[in-house]
Amino acid sequence: MYDGRLTPELAAQTFRNIDRLFPSRVVARGTSTTPLPHAARPIAAVTCSSRGRNVTLDEYMRVNRVSGLLLLQDGQIALERYALGNTESTHWMSMSMAKIGDLDADRYRTA
């Protein structure tokens, strides 16, 4: 069980390689899969409120050690961002990581 005592760098390495440290199994892909399409007008810039001040999404992710963010709108990828050395191909353990909410994308779109 992760108890918060790992350094941030070691935590990222651990979470990326959790399948090598603990028993795990691969869940087979379904027979009918469809890739998520990218939105024609992706979200270009996002600002967030963090600890009482407005920050860029990159700064928010850095300060809060967010490893990745995927925003979907109407079943399309509106924004996809990775940090902590991760990419779209990185394996990462899942512990209550999926959050669902409404996105008023028109507030965040830029020309």
PDB file of N, CA and C in Angstrom:
ATOM      1  N   MET A   1       0.841  -1.181   0.000  1.00  0.00           N
ATOM      2  CA  MET A   1       0.000   0.000   0.000  1.00  0.00           C
ATOM      3  C   MET A   1       0.882   1.239   0.000  1.00  0.00           C
ATOM      4  N   TYR A   2       0.575   2.192  -0.835  1.00  0.00           N
ATOM      5  CA  TYR A   2       1.345   3.433  -0.893  1.00  0.00           C
ATOM      6  C   TYR A   2       0.999   4.293   0.310  1.00  0.00           C
ATOM      7  N   ASP A   3       2.012   4.703   1.052  1.00  0.00           N
ATOM      8  CA  ASP A   3       1.769   5.459   2.283  1.00  0.00           C
ATOM      9  C   ASP A   3       2.227   6.906   2.202  1.00  0.00           C
ATOM     10  N   GLY A   4       2.650   7.373   1.029  1.00  0.00           N
ATOM     11  CA  GLY A   4       3.044   8.763   0.859  1.00  0.00           C
ATOM     12  C   GLY A   4       4.480   9.050   1.227  1.00  0.00           C
ATOM     13  N   ARG A   5       5.270   8.043   1.548  1.00  0.00           N
ATOM     14  CA  ARG A   5       6.649   8.276   1.982  1.00  0.00           C
ATOM     15  C   ARG A   5       7.664   8.242   0.848  1.00  0.00           C
ATOM     16  N   LEU A   6       7.247   7.919  -0.367  1.00  0.00           N
ATOM     17  CA  LEU A   6       8.180   7.904  -1.490  1.00  0.00           C
ATOM     18  C   LEU A   6       8.480   9.329  -1.942  1.00  0.00           C
ATOM     19  N   THR A   7       9.706   9.564  -2.397  1.00  0.00           N
ATOM     20  CA  THR A   7      10.006  10.869  -3.005  1.00  0.00           C
ATOM     21  C   THR A   7       9.146  11.006  -4.251  1.00  0.00           C
ATOM     22  N   PRO A   8       8.870  12.210  -4.713  1.00  0.00           N
ATOM     23  CA  PRO A   8       8.061  12.369  -5.927  1.00  0.00           C
ATOM     24  C   PRO A   8       8.630  11.609  -7.125  1.00  0.00           C
ATOM     25  N   GLU A   9       9.948  11.633  -7.289  1.00  0.00           N
ATOM     26  CA  GLU A   9      10.561  10.939  -8.425  1.00  0.00           C
ATOM     27  C   GLU A   9      10.397   9.422  -8.299  1.00  0.00           C
ATOM     28  N   LEU A  10      10.616   8.896  -7.105  1.00  0.00           N
ATOM     29  CA  LEU A  10      10.469   7.464  -6.887  1.00  0.00           C
ATOM     30  C   LEU A  10       9.007   7.045  -7.009  1.00  0.00           C
ATOM     31  N   ALA A  11       8.102   7.882  -6.559  1.00  0.00           N
ATOM     32  CA  ALA A  11       6.676   7.580  -6.694  1.00  0.00           C
ATOM     33  C   ALA A  11       6.305   7.451  -8.169  1.00  0.00           C
ATOM     34  N   ALA A  12       6.765   8.384  -9.015  1.00  0.00           N
ATOM     35  CA  ALA A  12       6.456   8.321 -10.447  1.00  0.00           C
ATOM     36  C   ALA A  12       7.008   7.038 -11.063  1.00  0.00           C
ATOM     37  N   GLN A  13       8.252   6.685 -10.722  1.00  0.00           N
ATOM     38  CA  GLN A  13       8.838   5.444 -11.242  1.00  0.00           C
ATOM     39  C   GLN A  13       8.063   4.222 -10.755  1.00  0.00           C
ATOM     40  N   THR A  14       7.657   4.233  -9.505  1.00  0.00           N
ATOM     41  CA  THR A  14       6.906   3.117  -8.935  1.00  0.00           C
ATOM     42  C   THR A  14       5.553   2.969  -9.623  1.00  0.00           C
ATOM     43  N   PHE A  15       4.837   4.071  -9.781  1.00  0.00           N
ATOM     44  CA  PHE A  15       3.508   4.017 -10.380  1.00  0.00           C
ATOM     45  C   PHE A  15       3.582   3.575 -11.841  1.00  0.00           C
ATOM     46  N   ARG A  16       4.684   3.921 -12.526  1.00  0.00           N
ATOM     47  CA  ARG A  16       4.867   3.512 -13.921  1.00  0.00           C
ATOM     48  C   ARG A  16       5.194   2.020 -14.042  1.00  0.00           C
ATOM     49  N   ASN A  17       5.742   1.438 -12.996  1.00  0.00           N
ATOM     50  CA  ASN A  17       6.196   0.042 -13.037  1.00  0.00           C
ATOM     51  C   ASN A  17       5.498  -0.844 -12.020  1.00  0.00           C
ATOM     52  N   ILE A  18       4.308  -0.470 -11.617  1.00  0.00           N
ATOM     53  CA  ILE A  18       3.612  -1.185 -10.553  1.00  0.00           C
ATOM     54  C   ILE A  18       3.395  -2.661 -10.910  1.00  0.00           C
ATOM     55  N   ASP A  19       3.246  -2.955 -12.223  1.00  0.00           N
ATOM     56  CA  ASP A  19       3.012  -4.340 -12.633  1.00  0.00           C
ATOM     57  C   ASP A  19       4.246  -5.218 -12.437  1.00  0.00           C
ATOM     58  N   ARG A  20       5.405  -4.613 -12.283  1.00  0.00           N
ATOM     59  CA  ARG A  20       6.627  -5.366 -12.025  1.00  0.00           C
ATOM     60  C   ARG A  20       6.857  -5.581 -10.530  1.00  0.00           C
ATOM     61  N   LEU A  21       6.161  -4.814  -9.716  1.00  0.00           N
ATOM     62  CA  LEU A  21       6.357  -4.869  -8.268  1.00  0.00           C
ATOM     63  C   LEU A  21       5.315  -5.712  -7.551  1.00  0.00           C
ATOM     64  N   PHE A  22       4.116  -5.779  -8.121  1.00  0.00           N
ATOM     65  CA  PHE A  22       3.017  -6.484  -7.478  1.00  0.00           C
ATOM     66  C   PHE A  22       2.324  -7.391  -8.495  1.00  0.00           C
ATOM     67  N   PRO A  23       1.702  -8.451  -8.016  1.00  0.00           N
ATOM     68  CA  PRO A  23       0.973  -9.323  -8.947  1.00  0.00           C
ATOM     69  C   PRO A  23      -0.064  -8.518  -9.728  1.00  0.00           C
ATOM     70  N   SER A  24      -0.139  -8.780 -11.008  1.00  0.00           N
ATOM     71  CA  SER A  24      -1.113  -8.089 -11.850  1.00  0.00           C
ATOM     72  C   SER A  24      -1.492  -9.001 -13.002  1.00  0.00           C
ATOM     73  N   ARG A  25      -2.504  -8.617 -13.730  1.00  0.00           N
ATOM     74  CA  ARG A  25      -2.887  -9.387 -14.905  1.00  0.00           C
ATOM     75  C   ARG A  25      -3.345  -8.420 -15.990  1.00  0.00           C
ATOM     76  N   VAL A  26      -3.193  -8.862 -17.208  1.00  0.00           N
ATOM     77  CA  VAL A  26      -3.618  -8.070 -18.362  1.00  0.00           C
ATOM     78  C   VAL A  26      -5.067  -8.408 -18.651  1.00  0.00           C
ATOM     79  N   VAL A  27      -5.879  -7.399 -18.818  1.00  0.00           N
ATOM     80  CA  VAL A  27      -7.270  -7.591 -19.205  1.00  0.00           C
ATOM     81  C   VAL A  27      -7.322  -7.471 -20.723  1.00  0.00           C
ATOM     82  N   ALA A  28      -7.818  -8.496 -21.375  1.00  0.00           N
ATOM     83  CA  ALA A  28      -7.837  -8.524 -22.838  1.00  0.00           C
ATOM     84  C   ALA A  28      -8.728  -7.417 -23.405  1.00  0.00           C
ATOM     85  N   ARG A  29      -8.293  -6.892 -24.520  1.00  0.00           N
ATOM     86  CA  ARG A  29      -9.062  -5.884 -25.242  1.00  0.00           C
ATOM     87  C   ARG A  29     -10.326  -6.533 -25.784  1.00  0.00           C
ATOM     88  N   GLY A  30     -11.399  -5.796 -25.821  1.00  0.00           N
ATOM     89  CA  GLY A  30     -12.645  -6.299 -26.386  1.00  0.00           C
ATOM     90  C   GLY A  30     -12.516  -6.551 -27.883  1.00  0.00           C
ATOM     91  N   THR A  31     -13.451  -7.272 -28.422  1.00  0.00           N
ATOM     92  CA  THR A  31     -13.391  -7.590 -29.851  1.00  0.00           C
ATOM     93  C   THR A  31     -13.776  -6.410 -30.720  1.00  0.00           C
ATOM     94  N   SER A  32     -14.488  -5.464 -30.171  1.00  0.00           N
ATOM     95  CA  SER A  32     -14.907  -4.296 -30.949  1.00  0.00           C
ATOM     96  C   SER A  32     -14.485  -3.037 -30.203  1.00  0.00           C
ATOM     97  N   THR A  33     -13.388  -2.434 -30.636  1.00  0.00           N
ATOM     98  CA  THR A  33     -12.916  -1.209 -30.002  1.00  0.00           C
ATOM     99  C   THR A  33     -12.893  -0.080 -31.029  1.00  0.00           C
ATOM    100  N   THR A  34     -13.037   1.130 -30.547  1.00  0.00           N
ATOM    101  CA  THR A  34     -13.005   2.302 -31.413  1.00  0.00           C
ATOM    102  C   THR A  34     -12.112   3.346 -30.766  1.00  0.00           C
ATOM    103  N   PRO A  35     -11.108   3.826 -31.486  1.00  0.00           N
ATOM    104  CA  PRO A  35     -10.264   4.879 -30.900  1.00  0.00           C
ATOM    105  C   PRO A  35     -11.051   6.170 -30.710  1.00  0.00           C
ATOM    106  N   LEU A  36     -10.663   6.919 -29.699  1.00  0.00           N
ATOM    107  CA  LEU A  36     -11.305   8.214 -29.483  1.00  0.00           C
ATOM    108  C   LEU A  36     -10.784   9.206 -30.519  1.00  0.00           C
ATOM    109  N   PRO A  37     -11.664   9.899 -31.213  1.00  0.00           N
ATOM    110  CA  PRO A  37     -11.202  10.896 -32.183  1.00  0.00           C
ATOM    111  C   PRO A  37     -10.789  12.181 -31.474  1.00  0.00           C
ATOM    112  N   HIS A  38      -9.929  12.939 -32.113  1.00  0.00           N
ATOM    113  CA  HIS A  38      -9.535  14.249 -31.592  1.00  0.00           C
ATOM    114  C   HIS A  38     -10.532  15.296 -32.073  1.00  0.00           C
ATOM    115  N   ALA A  39     -10.846  16.233 -31.211  1.00  0.00           N
ATOM    116  CA  ALA A  39     -11.788  17.298 -31.551  1.00  0.00           C
ATOM    117  C   ALA A  39     -11.222  18.172 -32.664  1.00  0.00           C
ATOM    118  N   ALA A  40     -12.085  18.651 -33.526  1.00  0.00           N
ATOM    119  CA  ALA A  40     -11.662  19.550 -34.606  1.00  0.00           C
ATOM    120  C   ALA A  40     -11.128  20.863 -34.034  1.00  0.00           C
ATOM    121  N   ARG A  41     -11.699  21.287 -32.903  1.00  0.00           N
ATOM    122  CA  ARG A  41     -11.252  22.509 -32.230  1.00  0.00           C
ATOM    123  C   ARG A  41     -10.829  22.159 -30.810  1.00  0.00           C
ATOM    124  N   PRO A  42      -9.600  21.669 -30.634  1.00  0.00           N
ATOM    125  CA  PRO A  42      -9.170  21.306 -29.276  1.00  0.00           C
ATOM    126  C   PRO A  42      -9.028  22.533 -28.386  1.00  0.00           C
ATOM    127  N   ILE A  43      -9.057  22.284 -27.101  1.00  0.00           N
ATOM    128  CA  ILE A  43      -8.845  23.352 -26.131  1.00  0.00           C
ATOM    129  C   ILE A  43      -7.363  23.710 -26.158  1.00  0.00           C
ATOM    130  N   ALA A  44      -7.069  24.979 -26.396  1.00  0.00           N
ATOM    131  CA  ALA A  44      -5.674  25.398 -26.564  1.00  0.00           C
ATOM    132  C   ALA A  44      -5.043  25.892 -25.272  1.00  0.00           C
ATOM    133  N   ALA A  45      -5.785  26.583 -24.462  1.00  0.00           N
ATOM    134  CA  ALA A  45      -5.215  27.166 -23.243  1.00  0.00           C
ATOM    135  C   ALA A  45      -6.224  27.043 -22.111  1.00  0.00           C
ATOM    136  N   VAL A  46      -5.725  26.630 -20.968  1.00  0.00           N
ATOM    137  CA  VAL A  46      -6.584  26.475 -19.789  1.00  0.00           C
ATOM    138  C   VAL A  46      -5.907  27.165 -18.624  1.00  0.00           C
ATOM    139  N   THR A  47      -6.676  27.912 -17.865  1.00  0.00           N
ATOM    140  CA  THR A  47      -6.175  28.446 -16.599  1.00  0.00           C
ATOM    141  C   THR A  47      -6.996  27.814 -15.481  1.00  0.00           C
ATOM    142  N   CYS A  48      -6.354  27.651 -14.355  1.00  0.00           N
ATOM    143  CA  CYS A  48      -6.987  27.022 -13.200  1.00  0.00           C
ATOM    144  C   CYS A  48      -6.809  27.926 -11.996  1.00  0.00           C
ATOM    145  N   SER A  49      -7.670  27.756 -11.029  1.00  0.00           N
ATOM    146  CA  SER A  49      -7.513  28.433  -9.759  1.00  0.00           C
ATOM    147  C   SER A  49      -6.889  27.437  -8.788  1.00  0.00           C
ATOM    148  N   SER A  50      -5.754  27.804  -8.229  1.00  0.00           N
ATOM    149  CA  SER A  50      -5.061  26.931  -7.290  1.00  0.00           C
ATOM    150  C   SER A  50      -4.541  27.752  -6.126  1.00  0.00           C
ATOM    151  N   ARG A  51      -5.003  27.398  -4.936  1.00  0.00           N
ATOM    152  CA  ARG A  51      -4.578  28.092  -3.715  1.00  0.00           C
ATOM    153  C   ARG A  51      -4.771  29.603  -3.811  1.00  0.00           C
ATOM    154  N   GLY A  52      -5.903  29.984  -4.392  1.00  0.00           N
ATOM    155  CA  GLY A  52      -6.273  31.390  -4.421  1.00  0.00           C
ATOM    156  C   GLY A  52      -5.680  32.214  -5.548  1.00  0.00           C
ATOM    157  N   ARG A  53      -4.999  31.585  -6.507  1.00  0.00           N
ATOM    158  CA  ARG A  53      -4.478  32.367  -7.632  1.00  0.00           C
ATOM    159  C   ARG A  53      -4.672  31.607  -8.941  1.00  0.00           C
ATOM    160  N   ASN A  54      -4.751  32.355 -10.034  1.00  0.00           N
ATOM    161  CA  ASN A  54      -4.909  31.747 -11.342  1.00  0.00           C
ATOM    162  C   ASN A  54      -3.549  31.295 -11.861  1.00  0.00           C
ATOM    163  N   VAL A  55      -3.508  30.074 -12.388  1.00  0.00           N
ATOM    164  CA  VAL A  55      -2.274  29.505 -12.920  1.00  0.00           C
ATOM    165  C   VAL A  55      -2.587  28.815 -14.242  1.00  0.00           C
ATOM    166  N   THR A  56      -1.550  28.591 -15.042  1.00  0.00           N
ATOM    167  CA  THR A  56      -1.731  27.822 -16.273  1.00  0.00           C
ATOM    168  C   THR A  56      -1.959  26.360 -15.916  1.00  0.00           C
ATOM    169  N   LEU A  57      -2.481  25.615 -16.868  1.00  0.00           N
ATOM    170  CA  LEU A  57      -2.688  24.191 -16.633  1.00  0.00           C
ATOM    171  C   LEU A  57      -1.359  23.495 -16.365  1.00  0.00           C
ATOM    172  N   ASP A  58      -0.318  23.855 -17.123  1.00  0.00           N
ATOM    173  CA  ASP A  58       0.994  23.238 -16.893  1.00  0.00           C
ATOM    174  C   ASP A  58       1.501  23.501 -15.480  1.00  0.00           C
ATOM    175  N   GLU A  59       1.312  24.732 -14.995  1.00  0.00           N
ATOM    176  CA  GLU A  59       1.754  25.046 -13.636  1.00  0.00           C
ATOM    177  C   GLU A  59       0.933  24.283 -12.610  1.00  0.00           C
ATOM    178  N   TYR A  60      -0.371  24.190 -12.828  1.00  0.00           N
ATOM    179  CA  TYR A  60      -1.232  23.442 -11.908  1.00  0.00           C
ATOM    180  C   TYR A  60      -0.792  21.982 -11.846  1.00  0.00           C
ATOM    181  N   MET A  61      -0.526  21.391 -13.014  1.00  0.00           N
ATOM    182  CA  MET A  61      -0.110  19.988 -13.048  1.00  0.00           C
ATOM    183  C   MET A  61       1.232  19.801 -12.351  1.00  0.00           C
ATOM    184  N   ARG A  62       2.150  20.744 -12.527  1.00  0.00           N
ATOM    185  CA  ARG A  62       3.467  20.647 -11.894  1.00  0.00           C
ATOM    186  C   ARG A  62       3.354  20.755 -10.379  1.00  0.00           C
ATOM    187  N   VAL A  63       2.659  21.759  -9.896  1.00  0.00           N
ATOM    188  CA  VAL A  63       2.541  21.999  -8.456  1.00  0.00           C
ATOM    189  C   VAL A  63       1.787  20.861  -7.754  1.00  0.00           C
ATOM    190  N   ASN A  64       0.782  20.320  -8.424  1.00  0.00           N
ATOM    191  CA  ASN A  64      -0.045  19.272  -7.815  1.00  0.00           C
ATOM    192  C   ASN A  64       0.354  17.864  -8.252  1.00  0.00           C
ATOM    193  N   ARG A  65       1.454  17.752  -8.992  1.00  0.00           N
ATOM    194  CA  ARG A  65       2.005  16.477  -9.446  1.00  0.00           C
ATOM    195  C   ARG A  65       0.957  15.630 -10.166  1.00  0.00           C
ATOM    196  N   VAL A  66       0.228  16.267 -11.069  1.00  0.00           N
ATOM    197  CA  VAL A  66      -0.756  15.569 -11.898  1.00  0.00           C
ATOM    198  C   VAL A  66       0.006  14.882 -13.025  1.00  0.00           C
ATOM    199  N   SER A  67      -0.215  13.586 -13.203  1.00  0.00           N
ATOM    200  CA  SER A  67       0.561  12.823 -14.183  1.00  0.00           C
ATOM    201  C   SER A  67      -0.027  12.876 -15.583  1.00  0.00           C
ATOM    202  N   GLY A  68      -1.301  13.132 -15.696  1.00  0.00           N
ATOM    203  CA  GLY A  68      -1.918  13.212 -17.011  1.00  0.00           C
ATOM    204  C   GLY A  68      -3.337  13.710 -16.906  1.00  0.00           C
ATOM    205  N   LEU A  69      -3.798  14.279 -18.003  1.00  0.00           N
ATOM    206  CA  LEU A  69      -5.156  14.822 -18.036  1.00  0.00           C
ATOM    207  C   LEU A  69      -5.735  14.588 -19.418  1.00  0.00           C
ATOM    208  N   LEU A  70      -6.931  14.044 -19.467  1.00  0.00           N
ATOM    209  CA  LEU A  70      -7.635  13.809 -20.716  1.00  0.00           C
ATOM    210  C   LEU A  70      -9.026  14.395 -20.564  1.00  0.00           C
ATOM    211  N   LEU A  71      -9.350  15.393 -21.376  1.00  0.00           N
ATOM    212  CA  LEU A  71     -10.675  16.001 -21.352  1.00  0.00           C
ATOM    213  C   LEU A  71     -11.416  15.571 -22.604  1.00  0.00           C
ATOM    214  N   LEU A  72     -12.603  15.024 -22.400  1.00  0.00           N
ATOM    215  CA  LEU A  72     -13.450  14.610 -23.514  1.00  0.00           C
ATOM    216  C   LEU A  72     -14.650  15.529 -23.593  1.00  0.00           C
ATOM    217  N   GLN A  73     -15.026  15.851 -24.818  1.00  0.00           N
ATOM    218  CA  GLN A  73     -16.262  16.588 -25.038  1.00  0.00           C
ATOM    219  C   GLN A  73     -16.952  15.944 -26.228  1.00  0.00           C
ATOM    220  N   ASP A  74     -18.196  15.555 -26.022  1.00  0.00           N
ATOM    221  CA  ASP A  74     -18.970  14.898 -27.076  1.00  0.00           C
ATOM    222  C   ASP A  74     -18.237  13.690 -27.647  1.00  0.00           C
ATOM    223  N   GLY A  75     -17.566  12.928 -26.770  1.00  0.00           N
ATOM    224  CA  GLY A  75     -16.881  11.721 -27.189  1.00  0.00           C
ATOM    225  C   GLY A  75     -15.589  11.945 -27.955  1.00  0.00           C
ATOM    226  N   GLN A  76     -15.080  13.185 -27.953  1.00  0.00           N
ATOM    227  CA  GLN A  76     -13.842  13.507 -28.657  1.00  0.00           C
ATOM    228  C   GLN A  76     -12.828  14.084 -27.682  1.00  0.00           C
ATOM    229  N   ILE A  77     -11.549  13.851 -27.983  1.00  0.00           N
ATOM    230  CA  ILE A  77     -10.486  14.368 -27.131  1.00  0.00           C
ATOM    231  C   ILE A  77     -10.350  15.866 -27.365  1.00  0.00           C
ATOM    232  N   ALA A  78     -10.693  16.642 -26.335  1.00  0.00           N
ATOM    233  CA  ALA A  78     -10.595  18.103 -26.425  1.00  0.00           C
ATOM    234  C   ALA A  78      -9.245  18.597 -25.905  1.00  0.00           C
ATOM    235  N   LEU A  79      -8.635  17.837 -24.992  1.00  0.00           N
ATOM    236  CA  LEU A  79      -7.327  18.198 -24.453  1.00  0.00           C
ATOM    237  C   LEU A  79      -6.684  16.937 -23.906  1.00  0.00           C
ATOM    238  N   GLU A  80      -5.398  16.748 -24.195  1.00  0.00           N
ATOM    239  CA  GLU A  80      -4.645  15.600 -23.707  1.00  0.00           C
ATOM    240  C   GLU A  80      -3.266  16.111 -23.310  1.00  0.00           C
ATOM    241  N   ARG A  81      -2.920  15.940 -22.046  1.00  0.00           N
ATOM    242  CA  ARG A  81      -1.657  16.471 -21.539  1.00  0.00           C
ATOM    243  C   ARG A  81      -1.038  15.470 -20.590  1.00  0.00           C
ATOM    244  N   TYR A  82       0.285  15.319 -20.638  1.00  0.00           N
ATOM    245  CA  TYR A  82       1.011  14.395 -19.772  1.00  0.00           C
ATOM    246  C   TYR A  82       2.143  15.117 -19.071  1.00  0.00           C
ATOM    247  N   ALA A  83       2.535  14.599 -17.911  1.00  0.00           N
ATOM    248  CA  ALA A  83       3.630  15.180 -17.125  1.00  0.00           C
ATOM    249  C   ALA A  83       4.334  14.047 -16.367  1.00  0.00           C
ATOM    250  N   LEU A  84       5.309  14.406 -15.584  1.00  0.00           N
ATOM    251  CA  LEU A  84       6.081  13.471 -14.764  1.00  0.00           C
ATOM    252  C   LEU A  84       6.785  12.407 -15.607  1.00  0.00           C
ATOM    253  N   GLY A  85       7.101  12.747 -16.860  1.00  0.00           N
ATOM    254  CA  GLY A  85       7.786  11.814 -17.735  1.00  0.00           C
ATOM    255  C   GLY A  85       6.870  10.829 -18.444  1.00  0.00           C
ATOM    256  N   ASN A  86       5.583  11.005 -18.330  1.00  0.00           N
ATOM    257  CA  ASN A  86       4.625  10.097 -18.950  1.00  0.00           C
ATOM    258  C   ASN A  86       4.292  10.520 -20.378  1.00  0.00           C
ATOM    259  N   THR A  87       3.822   9.556 -21.166  1.00  0.00           N
ATOM    260  CA  THR A  87       3.341   9.795 -22.516  1.00  0.00           C
ATOM    261  C   THR A  87       2.022   9.051 -22.687  1.00  0.00           C
ATOM    262  N   GLU A  88       1.431   9.136 -23.861  1.00  0.00           N
ATOM    263  CA  GLU A  88       0.169   8.419 -24.096  1.00  0.00           C
ATOM    264  C   GLU A  88       0.351   6.906 -24.032  1.00  0.00           C
ATOM    265  N   SER A  89       1.587   6.429 -24.102  1.00  0.00           N
ATOM    266  CA  SER A  89       1.854   4.991 -24.050  1.00  0.00           C
ATOM    267  C   SER A  89       2.288   4.493 -22.678  1.00  0.00           C
ATOM    268  N   THR A  90       2.432   5.390 -21.716  1.00  0.00           N
ATOM    269  CA  THR A  90       2.906   5.015 -20.388  1.00  0.00           C
ATOM    270  C   THR A  90       1.866   4.185 -19.649  1.00  0.00           C
ATOM    271  N   HIS A  91       2.316   3.114 -19.038  1.00  0.00           N
ATOM    272  CA  HIS A  91       1.460   2.349 -18.128  1.00  0.00           C
ATOM    273  C   HIS A  91       1.523   3.051 -16.775  1.00  0.00           C
ATOM    274  N   TRP A  92       0.389   3.191 -16.115  1.00  0.00           N
ATOM    275  CA  TRP A  92       0.318   3.915 -14.846  1.00  0.00           C
ATOM    276  C   TRP A  92      -0.725   3.242 -13.988  1.00  0.00           C
ATOM    277  N   MET A  93      -0.443   3.054 -12.725  1.00  0.00           N
ATOM    278  CA  MET A  93      -1.425   2.398 -11.864  1.00  0.00           C
ATOM    279  C   MET A  93      -2.637   3.305 -11.672  1.00  0.00           C
ATOM    280  N   SER A  94      -3.743   2.689 -11.397  1.00  0.00           N
ATOM    281  CA  SER A  94      -4.995   3.423 -11.230  1.00  0.00           C
ATOM    282  C   SER A  94      -5.475   3.288  -9.796  1.00  0.00           C
ATOM    283  N   MET A  95      -5.616   4.419  -9.137  1.00  0.00           N
ATOM    284  CA  MET A  95      -6.186   4.453  -7.789  1.00  0.00           C
ATOM    285  C   MET A  95      -7.116   5.653  -7.735  1.00  0.00           C
ATOM    286  N   SER A  96      -8.361   5.432  -8.053  1.00  0.00           N
ATOM    287  CA  SER A  96      -9.336   6.511  -8.027  1.00  0.00           C
ATOM    288  C   SER A  96      -8.875   7.684  -8.880  1.00  0.00           C
ATOM    289  N   MET A  97      -8.392   7.398 -10.082  1.00  0.00           N
ATOM    290  CA  MET A  97      -7.842   8.471 -10.897  1.00  0.00           C
ATOM    291  C   MET A  97      -8.842   9.065 -11.868  1.00  0.00           C
ATOM    292  N   ALA A  98      -9.894   8.373 -12.186  1.00  0.00           N
ATOM    293  CA  ALA A  98     -10.855   8.882 -13.155  1.00  0.00           C
ATOM    294  C   ALA A  98     -11.860   9.788 -12.449  1.00  0.00           C
ATOM    295  N   LYS A  99     -11.978  10.958 -12.950  1.00  0.00           N
ATOM    296  CA  LYS A  99     -12.945  11.911 -12.414  1.00  0.00           C
ATOM    297  C   LYS A  99     -13.865  12.325 -13.553  1.00  0.00           C
ATOM    298  N   ILE A 100     -15.129  12.446 -13.269  1.00  0.00           N
ATOM    299  CA  ILE A 100     -16.098  12.795 -14.290  1.00  0.00           C
ATOM    300  C   ILE A 100     -16.757  14.100 -13.885  1.00  0.00           C
ATOM    301  N   GLY A 101     -16.876  14.989 -14.849  1.00  0.00           N
ATOM    302  CA  GLY A 101     -17.530  16.263 -14.583  1.00  0.00           C
ATOM    303  C   GLY A 101     -17.968  16.889 -15.887  1.00  0.00           C
ATOM    304  N   ASP A 102     -18.678  17.974 -15.789  1.00  0.00           N
ATOM    305  CA  ASP A 102     -19.117  18.698 -16.969  1.00  0.00           C
ATOM    306  C   ASP A 102     -18.078  19.741 -17.328  1.00  0.00           C
ATOM    307  N   LEU A 103     -17.852  19.884 -18.619  1.00  0.00           N
ATOM    308  CA  LEU A 103     -16.895  20.854 -19.112  1.00  0.00           C
ATOM    309  C   LEU A 103     -17.621  21.850 -19.995  1.00  0.00           C
ATOM    310  N   ASP A 104     -17.618  23.086 -19.600  1.00  0.00           N
ATOM    311  CA  ASP A 104     -18.147  24.151 -20.439  1.00  0.00           C
ATOM    312  C   ASP A 104     -17.008  24.568 -21.357  1.00  0.00           C
ATOM    313  N   ALA A 105     -16.808  23.805 -22.433  1.00  0.00           N
ATOM    314  CA  ALA A 105     -15.629  23.987 -23.278  1.00  0.00           C
ATOM    315  C   ALA A 105     -15.583  25.355 -23.931  1.00  0.00           C
ATOM    316  N   ASP A 106     -16.701  25.970 -24.195  1.00  0.00           N
ATOM    317  CA  ASP A 106     -16.663  27.280 -24.826  1.00  0.00           C
ATOM    318  C   ASP A 106     -15.962  28.318 -23.949  1.00  0.00           C
ATOM    319  N   ARG A 107     -15.955  28.102 -22.648  1.00  0.00           N
ATOM    320  CA  ARG A 107     -15.235  29.019 -21.739  1.00  0.00           C
ATOM    321  C   ARG A 107     -13.739  28.902 -21.915  1.00  0.00           C
ATOM    322  N   TYR A 108     -13.246  27.746 -22.414  1.00  0.00           N
ATOM    323  CA  TYR A 108     -11.815  27.495 -22.459  1.00  0.00           C
ATOM    324  C   TYR A 108     -11.229  27.561 -23.863  1.00  0.00           C
ATOM    325  N   ARG A 109     -12.047  27.593 -24.871  1.00  0.00           N
ATOM    326  CA  ARG A 109     -11.541  27.598 -26.241  1.00  0.00           C
ATOM    327  C   ARG A 109     -10.935  28.957 -26.586  1.00  0.00           C
ATOM    328  N   THR A 110      -9.886  28.890 -27.358  1.00  0.00           N
ATOM    329  CA  THR A 110      -9.295  30.127 -27.891  1.00  0.00           C
ATOM    330  C   THR A 110      -9.380  30.052 -29.402  1.00  0.00           C
ATOM    331  N   ALA A 111      -9.325  31.189 -30.028  1.00  0.00           N
ATOM    332  CA  ALA A 111      -9.482  31.248 -31.509  1.00  0.00           C
ATOM    333  C   ALA A 111      -8.359  30.539 -32.214  1.00  0.00           C
TER     334      ALA A 111
END
